[in-house]
Amino acid sequence: MSDFLFEEENGSAVGTGAAGDGLVFNLTDVEEDRGFDIIPKGDYPCIVDEQEFGESKSGNPMITTKFKITEGEYEGRVVFDYWVLAGKGSEFGLGKLKKFLTRVTPEADLAAFNPETFCEDGEAINRECIVTLGVQKQTKGEYKGESRNTVKDIKPASNGSFL
């Protein structure tokens, strides 16, 4: 196997070692992972990038929604929202889901809504919306004490259009 070398934008080199020993990285000038900077509180134009129907940690049905910011300084950054649909947390999750449906996918049938089919069919993918972000300090778990972004509100796209 021949040696090869790629020069990354940051100047670090990636290639194979002598005699094809696998990938070799020059990490001397790479910064250690700092995590993500918190996005300031406020309204951000987004698209619905992904939606997945699954289970919460406690085994209840849940929708995970990934929003991607489409403009401004934070363009390309993603934020997540989680809507638990039964058991503990559903008192918030069901209301957030209804708000999302009426504002982002108003054609959804609220009287006979199937969350699994909705997510599998990708009904909301690439829909525009405005996401209001907040910042909350984690009170438990592995991220206890760290600040995280939270979705406080979801509004229709300012121009009222859908992609």
N, C-alpha and C. Protein backbone atom coordinates (compact mmCIF):
# COMPACT_ATOMS: atom_id res chain seq x y z
N MET A 1 0.86 -1.19 0.00
CA MET A 1 0.00 0.00 0.00
C MET A 1 0.89 1.23 0.00
N SER A 2 0.57 2.19 -0.83
CA SER A 2 1.40 3.39 -0.89
C SER A 2 0.98 4.40 0.17
N ASP A 3 1.94 5.23 0.58
CA ASP A 3 1.64 6.28 1.54
C ASP A 3 0.87 7.40 0.85
N PHE A 4 -0.06 8.03 1.58
CA PHE A 4 -0.72 9.22 1.06
C PHE A 4 -0.83 10.24 2.17
N LEU A 5 -1.03 11.49 1.78
CA LEU A 5 -1.08 12.57 2.76
C LEU A 5 -2.10 13.60 2.30
N PHE A 6 -2.99 13.98 3.22
CA PHE A 6 -3.95 15.05 2.96
C PHE A 6 -3.61 16.22 3.85
N GLU A 7 -3.67 17.39 3.32
CA GLU A 7 -3.46 18.61 4.12
C GLU A 7 -4.84 19.18 4.44
N GLU A 8 -5.21 19.25 5.70
CA GLU A 8 -6.49 19.80 6.13
C GLU A 8 -6.41 21.32 6.11
N GLU A 9 -7.59 21.98 6.12
CA GLU A 9 -7.65 23.45 6.12
C GLU A 9 -6.88 24.06 7.28
N ASN A 10 -6.90 23.37 8.43
CA ASN A 10 -6.23 23.92 9.62
C ASN A 10 -4.72 23.63 9.62
N GLY A 11 -4.22 23.00 8.54
CA GLY A 11 -2.79 22.74 8.44
C GLY A 11 -2.36 21.40 8.98
N SER A 12 -3.24 20.65 9.63
CA SER A 12 -2.84 19.34 10.13
C SER A 12 -2.80 18.35 8.99
N ALA A 13 -1.96 17.34 9.12
CA ALA A 13 -1.78 16.35 8.07
C ALA A 13 -2.44 15.04 8.48
N VAL A 14 -3.07 14.38 7.51
CA VAL A 14 -3.69 13.08 7.72
C VAL A 14 -3.16 12.17 6.63
N GLY A 15 -2.72 10.99 6.98
CA GLY A 15 -2.24 10.06 5.95
C GLY A 15 -2.06 8.68 6.52
N THR A 16 -1.48 7.77 5.71
CA THR A 16 -1.19 6.43 6.18
C THR A 16 0.24 6.38 6.65
N GLY A 17 0.49 5.50 7.58
CA GLY A 17 1.85 5.32 8.07
C GLY A 17 2.66 4.49 7.10
N ALA A 18 3.91 4.36 7.40
CA ALA A 18 4.79 3.55 6.57
C ALA A 18 4.27 2.12 6.53
N ALA A 19 4.40 1.48 5.41
CA ALA A 19 3.99 0.09 5.21
C ALA A 19 2.51 -0.12 5.48
N GLY A 20 1.69 0.92 5.32
CA GLY A 20 0.24 0.77 5.45
C GLY A 20 -0.23 0.45 6.85
N ASP A 21 0.36 1.06 7.86
CA ASP A 21 -0.01 0.80 9.25
C ASP A 21 -1.36 1.39 9.63
N GLY A 22 -2.11 1.92 8.71
CA GLY A 22 -3.39 2.55 9.00
C GLY A 22 -3.27 4.05 8.97
N LEU A 23 -4.36 4.72 9.32
CA LEU A 23 -4.35 6.18 9.33
C LEU A 23 -3.44 6.72 10.41
N VAL A 24 -2.75 7.80 10.09
CA VAL A 24 -1.86 8.47 11.03
C VAL A 24 -2.24 9.94 11.02
N PHE A 25 -2.45 10.53 12.18
CA PHE A 25 -2.85 11.92 12.30
C PHE A 25 -1.77 12.72 13.00
N ASN A 26 -1.52 13.93 12.54
CA ASN A 26 -0.65 14.87 13.24
C ASN A 26 -1.56 15.75 14.09
N LEU A 27 -1.62 15.51 15.40
CA LEU A 27 -2.51 16.22 16.31
C LEU A 27 -1.82 17.32 17.10
N THR A 28 -0.59 17.64 16.76
CA THR A 28 0.15 18.61 17.57
C THR A 28 -0.50 19.98 17.58
N ASP A 29 -1.12 20.41 16.49
CA ASP A 29 -1.72 21.75 16.43
C ASP A 29 -3.24 21.74 16.55
N VAL A 30 -3.83 20.60 16.93
CA VAL A 30 -5.28 20.49 17.05
C VAL A 30 -5.69 20.89 18.47
N GLU A 31 -6.72 21.76 18.55
CA GLU A 31 -7.24 22.15 19.87
C GLU A 31 -8.04 21.01 20.47
N GLU A 32 -7.96 20.87 21.79
CA GLU A 32 -8.78 19.87 22.47
C GLU A 32 -10.24 20.25 22.33
N ASP A 33 -11.11 19.26 22.38
CA ASP A 33 -12.55 19.49 22.26
C ASP A 33 -13.02 20.40 23.39
N ARG A 34 -13.63 21.52 22.99
CA ARG A 34 -14.15 22.47 23.97
C ARG A 34 -15.66 22.32 24.14
N GLY A 35 -16.28 21.41 23.39
CA GLY A 35 -17.72 21.30 23.40
C GLY A 35 -18.32 22.42 22.55
N PHE A 36 -19.62 22.55 22.60
CA PHE A 36 -20.29 23.58 21.81
C PHE A 36 -20.55 24.81 22.65
N ASP A 37 -20.38 25.97 22.03
CA ASP A 37 -20.74 27.20 22.70
C ASP A 37 -22.26 27.30 22.73
N ILE A 38 -22.78 27.82 23.81
CA ILE A 38 -24.22 28.01 23.96
C ILE A 38 -24.68 29.08 22.97
N ILE A 39 -25.80 28.83 22.34
CA ILE A 39 -26.41 29.82 21.45
C ILE A 39 -27.21 30.76 22.36
N PRO A 40 -27.05 32.06 22.22
CA PRO A 40 -27.78 33.00 23.10
C PRO A 40 -29.29 32.85 22.97
N LYS A 41 -29.99 33.23 24.04
CA LYS A 41 -31.45 33.23 24.04
C LYS A 41 -31.94 34.07 22.87
N GLY A 42 -33.04 33.64 22.26
CA GLY A 42 -33.62 34.42 21.18
C GLY A 42 -34.34 33.57 20.16
N ASP A 43 -34.85 34.22 19.14
CA ASP A 43 -35.57 33.57 18.05
C ASP A 43 -34.62 33.31 16.89
N TYR A 44 -34.68 32.10 16.32
CA TYR A 44 -33.80 31.70 15.23
C TYR A 44 -34.60 31.03 14.12
N PRO A 45 -34.40 31.47 12.87
CA PRO A 45 -35.06 30.79 11.75
C PRO A 45 -34.43 29.41 11.58
N CYS A 46 -35.28 28.40 11.44
CA CYS A 46 -34.82 27.02 11.36
C CYS A 46 -35.60 26.24 10.32
N ILE A 47 -35.07 25.07 10.01
CA ILE A 47 -35.85 24.05 9.33
C ILE A 47 -35.88 22.83 10.24
N VAL A 48 -36.89 22.01 10.06
CA VAL A 48 -36.94 20.73 10.76
C VAL A 48 -36.02 19.81 9.97
N ASP A 49 -34.92 19.42 10.58
CA ASP A 49 -33.89 18.64 9.89
C ASP A 49 -34.16 17.14 10.00
N GLU A 50 -34.61 16.69 11.15
CA GLU A 50 -34.89 15.26 11.37
C GLU A 50 -35.97 15.13 12.43
N GLN A 51 -36.75 14.07 12.34
CA GLN A 51 -37.68 13.69 13.40
C GLN A 51 -37.65 12.18 13.52
N GLU A 52 -37.62 11.73 14.76
CA GLU A 52 -37.56 10.30 15.02
C GLU A 52 -38.54 9.92 16.12
N PHE A 53 -39.29 8.88 15.88
CA PHE A 53 -40.18 8.33 16.90
C PHE A 53 -39.42 7.22 17.61
N GLY A 54 -39.42 7.27 18.92
CA GLY A 54 -38.72 6.26 19.69
C GLY A 54 -39.24 6.21 21.11
N GLU A 55 -38.36 5.85 22.04
CA GLU A 55 -38.73 5.74 23.45
C GLU A 55 -37.86 6.65 24.29
N SER A 56 -38.48 7.19 25.35
CA SER A 56 -37.72 7.96 26.34
C SER A 56 -36.92 6.99 27.20
N LYS A 57 -36.07 7.50 28.07
CA LYS A 57 -35.29 6.65 28.97
C LYS A 57 -36.17 5.76 29.83
N SER A 58 -37.39 6.24 30.13
CA SER A 58 -38.30 5.46 30.97
C SER A 58 -39.21 4.54 30.15
N GLY A 59 -38.99 4.48 28.83
CA GLY A 59 -39.74 3.56 27.99
C GLY A 59 -41.03 4.10 27.41
N ASN A 60 -41.27 5.39 27.56
CA ASN A 60 -42.49 5.99 27.02
C ASN A 60 -42.26 6.44 25.58
N PRO A 61 -43.33 6.44 24.75
CA PRO A 61 -43.17 6.91 23.37
C PRO A 61 -42.74 8.37 23.35
N MET A 62 -41.85 8.71 22.41
CA MET A 62 -41.28 10.06 22.37
C MET A 62 -40.91 10.41 20.94
N ILE A 63 -41.05 11.69 20.61
CA ILE A 63 -40.55 12.22 19.34
C ILE A 63 -39.34 13.09 19.63
N THR A 64 -38.25 12.84 18.92
CA THR A 64 -37.06 13.67 18.98
C THR A 64 -37.01 14.49 17.69
N THR A 65 -36.93 15.80 17.84
CA THR A 65 -36.90 16.69 16.68
C THR A 65 -35.58 17.45 16.67
N LYS A 66 -34.93 17.44 15.51
CA LYS A 66 -33.68 18.16 15.32
C LYS A 66 -33.97 19.35 14.40
N PHE A 67 -33.70 20.55 14.91
CA PHE A 67 -33.87 21.78 14.14
C PHE A 67 -32.50 22.28 13.72
N LYS A 68 -32.39 22.78 12.48
CA LYS A 68 -31.14 23.36 12.00
C LYS A 68 -31.37 24.85 11.74
N ILE A 69 -30.52 25.68 12.34
CA ILE A 69 -30.60 27.13 12.15
C ILE A 69 -30.17 27.46 10.73
N THR A 70 -30.96 28.31 10.06
CA THR A 70 -30.76 28.55 8.63
C THR A 70 -30.16 29.91 8.28
N GLU A 71 -30.02 30.81 9.25
CA GLU A 71 -29.49 32.14 8.94
C GLU A 71 -28.68 32.67 10.12
N GLY A 72 -27.88 33.67 9.82
CA GLY A 72 -27.17 34.42 10.87
C GLY A 72 -25.90 33.75 11.35
N GLU A 73 -25.41 34.26 12.45
CA GLU A 73 -24.14 33.83 13.03
C GLU A 73 -24.12 32.34 13.38
N TYR A 74 -25.27 31.79 13.71
CA TYR A 74 -25.33 30.39 14.15
C TYR A 74 -25.87 29.46 13.06
N GLU A 75 -25.87 29.93 11.81
CA GLU A 75 -26.34 29.11 10.69
C GLU A 75 -25.62 27.78 10.68
N GLY A 76 -26.39 26.71 10.51
CA GLY A 76 -25.83 25.37 10.47
C GLY A 76 -25.82 24.65 11.81
N ARG A 77 -25.93 25.39 12.90
CA ARG A 77 -25.98 24.76 14.23
C ARG A 77 -27.31 24.05 14.40
N VAL A 78 -27.33 23.03 15.21
CA VAL A 78 -28.56 22.26 15.44
C VAL A 78 -28.94 22.29 16.91
N VAL A 79 -30.24 22.21 17.14
CA VAL A 79 -30.78 22.09 18.49
C VAL A 79 -31.84 21.00 18.46
N PHE A 80 -32.03 20.38 19.59
CA PHE A 80 -32.96 19.26 19.69
C PHE A 80 -34.09 19.59 20.66
N ASP A 81 -35.26 19.01 20.39
CA ASP A 81 -36.38 19.08 21.31
C ASP A 81 -36.95 17.67 21.42
N TYR A 82 -37.45 17.33 22.61
CA TYR A 82 -37.92 15.98 22.91
C TYR A 82 -39.33 16.08 23.46
N TRP A 83 -40.25 15.32 22.86
CA TRP A 83 -41.65 15.36 23.27
C TRP A 83 -42.09 13.98 23.73
N VAL A 84 -42.16 13.80 25.05
CA VAL A 84 -42.62 12.54 25.62
C VAL A 84 -44.15 12.52 25.50
N LEU A 85 -44.70 11.41 24.99
CA LEU A 85 -46.11 11.35 24.64
C LEU A 85 -46.97 10.55 25.60
N ALA A 86 -46.38 9.92 26.61
CA ALA A 86 -47.14 9.17 27.61
C ALA A 86 -46.35 9.16 28.91
N GLY A 87 -47.04 8.92 30.01
CA GLY A 87 -46.37 8.85 31.30
C GLY A 87 -45.86 10.20 31.76
N LYS A 88 -44.84 10.15 32.64
CA LYS A 88 -44.27 11.37 33.17
C LYS A 88 -43.66 12.19 32.03
N GLY A 89 -43.98 13.45 31.97
CA GLY A 89 -43.47 14.32 30.92
C GLY A 89 -44.48 14.56 29.81
N SER A 90 -45.50 13.71 29.71
CA SER A 90 -46.46 13.88 28.62
C SER A 90 -47.31 15.13 28.80
N GLU A 91 -47.46 15.61 30.03
CA GLU A 91 -48.24 16.84 30.23
C GLU A 91 -47.59 18.02 29.50
N PHE A 92 -46.28 17.97 29.31
CA PHE A 92 -45.57 18.99 28.55
C PHE A 92 -45.41 18.57 27.09
N GLY A 93 -45.06 17.31 26.87
CA GLY A 93 -44.77 16.81 25.54
C GLY A 93 -45.94 16.88 24.58
N LEU A 94 -47.13 16.51 25.05
CA LEU A 94 -48.30 16.54 24.18
C LEU A 94 -48.65 17.97 23.77
N GLY A 95 -48.55 18.89 24.71
CA GLY A 95 -48.82 20.30 24.39
C GLY A 95 -47.81 20.87 23.41
N LYS A 96 -46.52 20.51 23.58
CA LYS A 96 -45.50 20.99 22.65
C LYS A 96 -45.70 20.38 21.27
N LEU A 97 -46.10 19.12 21.23
CA LEU A 97 -46.38 18.47 19.95
C LEU A 97 -47.53 19.15 19.24
N LYS A 98 -48.62 19.42 19.96
CA LYS A 98 -49.78 20.08 19.33
C LYS A 98 -49.38 21.46 18.81
N LYS A 99 -48.63 22.20 19.60
CA LYS A 99 -48.17 23.52 19.16
C LYS A 99 -47.35 23.40 17.87
N PHE A 100 -46.44 22.44 17.83
CA PHE A 100 -45.61 22.21 16.65
C PHE A 100 -46.50 21.89 15.44
N LEU A 101 -47.43 20.97 15.61
CA LEU A 101 -48.29 20.55 14.50
C LEU A 101 -49.12 21.71 13.96
N THR A 102 -49.73 22.48 14.85
CA THR A 102 -50.60 23.56 14.38
C THR A 102 -49.83 24.70 13.74
N ARG A 103 -48.57 24.87 14.14
CA ARG A 103 -47.78 25.99 13.63
C ARG A 103 -46.88 25.61 12.45
N VAL A 104 -46.44 24.38 12.39
CA VAL A 104 -45.47 23.99 11.36
C VAL A 104 -46.09 23.05 10.32
N THR A 105 -46.97 22.17 10.73
CA THR A 105 -47.65 21.26 9.80
C THR A 105 -49.16 21.35 10.05
N PRO A 106 -49.77 22.47 9.71
CA PRO A 106 -51.18 22.68 10.04
C PRO A 106 -52.14 21.71 9.35
N GLU A 107 -51.69 21.00 8.32
CA GLU A 107 -52.56 20.04 7.65
C GLU A 107 -52.65 18.71 8.40
N ALA A 108 -51.84 18.51 9.44
CA ALA A 108 -51.86 17.26 10.21
C ALA A 108 -53.23 17.06 10.86
N ASP A 109 -53.68 15.82 10.87
CA ASP A 109 -54.98 15.47 11.47
C ASP A 109 -54.80 15.31 12.97
N LEU A 110 -55.23 16.29 13.74
CA LEU A 110 -55.08 16.26 15.19
C LEU A 110 -56.00 15.22 15.84
N ALA A 111 -57.11 14.89 15.19
CA ALA A 111 -58.08 13.96 15.76
C ALA A 111 -57.64 12.50 15.62
N ALA A 112 -56.75 12.21 14.68
CA ALA A 112 -56.28 10.83 14.47
C ALA A 112 -54.79 10.86 14.14
N PHE A 113 -54.00 11.43 15.03
CA PHE A 113 -52.57 11.62 14.79
C PHE A 113 -51.80 10.38 15.19
N ASN A 114 -50.99 9.85 14.27
CA ASN A 114 -50.14 8.71 14.53
C ASN A 114 -48.69 9.20 14.50
N PRO A 115 -48.05 9.35 15.66
CA PRO A 115 -46.70 9.94 15.70
C PRO A 115 -45.65 9.10 14.98
N GLU A 116 -45.77 7.79 15.04
CA GLU A 116 -44.78 6.94 14.38
C GLU A 116 -44.85 7.10 12.86
N THR A 117 -46.05 7.06 12.30
CA THR A 117 -46.22 7.23 10.86
C THR A 117 -45.80 8.63 10.43
N PHE A 118 -46.16 9.64 11.22
CA PHE A 118 -45.79 11.02 10.93
C PHE A 118 -44.27 11.16 10.78
N CYS A 119 -43.53 10.59 11.73
CA CYS A 119 -42.07 10.68 11.69
C CYS A 119 -41.49 9.85 10.55
N GLU A 120 -41.98 8.62 10.37
CA GLU A 120 -41.47 7.76 9.30
C GLU A 120 -41.70 8.37 7.93
N ASP A 121 -42.85 9.02 7.74
CA ASP A 121 -43.17 9.64 6.45
C ASP A 121 -42.43 10.95 6.22
N GLY A 122 -41.81 11.50 7.26
CA GLY A 122 -41.04 12.75 7.12
C GLY A 122 -41.91 13.95 6.80
N GLU A 123 -43.13 13.96 7.33
CA GLU A 123 -44.09 15.03 7.04
C GLU A 123 -43.55 16.43 7.34
N ALA A 124 -42.73 16.56 8.36
CA ALA A 124 -42.26 17.88 8.78
C ALA A 124 -40.86 18.24 8.27
N ILE A 125 -40.18 17.29 7.67
CA ILE A 125 -38.79 17.52 7.26
C ILE A 125 -38.71 18.67 6.25
N ASN A 126 -37.76 19.55 6.49
CA ASN A 126 -37.48 20.75 5.70
C ASN A 126 -38.54 21.84 5.84
N ARG A 127 -39.45 21.69 6.77
CA ARG A 127 -40.42 22.76 7.02
C ARG A 127 -39.72 23.89 7.76
N GLU A 128 -40.06 25.11 7.40
CA GLU A 128 -39.48 26.29 8.04
C GLU A 128 -40.26 26.62 9.31
N CYS A 129 -39.55 27.17 10.28
CA CYS A 129 -40.17 27.64 11.51
C CYS A 129 -39.21 28.60 12.22
N ILE A 130 -39.69 29.20 13.26
CA ILE A 130 -38.86 30.04 14.13
C ILE A 130 -38.81 29.34 15.48
N VAL A 131 -37.61 29.09 15.96
CA VAL A 131 -37.42 28.42 17.24
C VAL A 131 -36.90 29.44 18.24
N THR A 132 -37.59 29.53 19.38
CA THR A 132 -37.15 30.39 20.47
C THR A 132 -36.31 29.54 21.41
N LEU A 133 -35.04 29.93 21.56
CA LEU A 133 -34.12 29.19 22.42
C LEU A 133 -33.96 29.88 23.77
N GLY A 134 -33.82 29.08 24.78
CA GLY A 134 -33.46 29.54 26.11
C GLY A 134 -32.18 28.86 26.52
N VAL A 135 -31.68 29.21 27.68
CA VAL A 135 -30.49 28.58 28.25
C VAL A 135 -30.86 28.10 29.64
N GLN A 136 -30.55 26.84 29.92
CA GLN A 136 -30.91 26.24 31.20
C GLN A 136 -29.72 25.50 31.77
N LYS A 137 -29.49 25.65 33.05
CA LYS A 137 -28.42 24.91 33.73
C LYS A 137 -28.95 23.53 34.11
N GLN A 138 -28.21 22.50 33.77
CA GLN A 138 -28.61 21.13 34.06
C GLN A 138 -28.51 20.86 35.55
N THR A 139 -29.54 20.22 36.09
CA THR A 139 -29.58 19.98 37.53
C THR A 139 -29.25 18.55 37.92
N LYS A 140 -29.16 17.65 36.92
CA LYS A 140 -28.83 16.26 37.23
C LYS A 140 -28.19 15.60 36.03
N GLY A 141 -27.73 14.38 36.22
CA GLY A 141 -27.13 13.61 35.14
C GLY A 141 -25.68 13.96 34.90
N GLU A 142 -25.14 13.42 33.80
CA GLU A 142 -23.72 13.59 33.51
C GLU A 142 -23.34 15.03 33.18
N TYR A 143 -24.33 15.86 32.80
CA TYR A 143 -24.06 17.25 32.45
C TYR A 143 -24.46 18.21 33.56
N LYS A 144 -24.64 17.69 34.76
CA LYS A 144 -25.05 18.52 35.90
C LYS A 144 -24.13 19.73 36.04
N GLY A 145 -24.75 20.90 36.16
CA GLY A 145 -24.00 22.14 36.33
C GLY A 145 -23.67 22.84 35.03
N GLU A 146 -23.80 22.16 33.89
CA GLU A 146 -23.50 22.76 32.59
C GLU A 146 -24.73 23.47 32.05
N SER A 147 -24.52 24.54 31.31
CA SER A 147 -25.62 25.23 30.64
C SER A 147 -25.88 24.57 29.29
N ARG A 148 -27.15 24.45 28.96
CA ARG A 148 -27.57 23.85 27.69
C ARG A 148 -28.68 24.69 27.07
N ASN A 149 -28.76 24.66 25.74
CA ASN A 149 -29.87 25.31 25.06
C ASN A 149 -31.12 24.46 25.20
N THR A 150 -32.27 25.14 25.34
CA THR A 150 -33.56 24.48 25.37
C THR A 150 -34.50 25.19 24.41
N VAL A 151 -35.39 24.43 23.80
CA VAL A 151 -36.40 25.01 22.92
C VAL A 151 -37.55 25.49 23.80
N LYS A 152 -37.78 26.80 23.80
CA LYS A 152 -38.83 27.39 24.62
C LYS A 152 -40.14 27.54 23.85
N ASP A 153 -40.04 27.75 22.53
CA ASP A 153 -41.24 27.94 21.72
C ASP A 153 -40.91 27.62 20.27
N ILE A 154 -41.94 27.26 19.53
CA ILE A 154 -41.84 27.02 18.09
C ILE A 154 -42.93 27.83 17.43
N LYS A 155 -42.54 28.67 16.47
CA LYS A 155 -43.49 29.56 15.80
C LYS A 155 -43.49 29.26 14.31
N PRO A 156 -44.56 29.65 13.63
CA PRO A 156 -44.57 29.47 12.16
C PRO A 156 -43.46 30.31 11.54
N ALA A 157 -43.03 29.91 10.35
CA ALA A 157 -42.03 30.71 9.62
C ALA A 157 -42.57 32.11 9.43
N SER A 158 -41.71 33.09 9.50
CA SER A 158 -42.14 34.49 9.43
C SER A 158 -42.83 34.82 8.12
N ASN A 159 -42.45 34.13 7.04
CA ASN A 159 -43.09 34.41 5.76
C ASN A 159 -44.28 33.49 5.50
N GLY A 160 -44.51 32.56 6.43
CA GLY A 160 -45.66 31.68 6.32
C GLY A 160 -45.52 30.61 5.25
N SER A 161 -44.35 30.51 4.64
CA SER A 161 -44.20 29.51 3.57
C SER A 161 -43.59 28.24 4.10
N PHE A 162 -43.72 27.21 3.32
CA PHE A 162 -43.11 25.93 3.63
C PHE A 162 -42.25 25.54 2.46
N LEU A 163 -41.17 24.83 2.76
CA LEU A 163 -40.28 24.34 1.69
C LEU A 163 -40.91 23.18 0.99
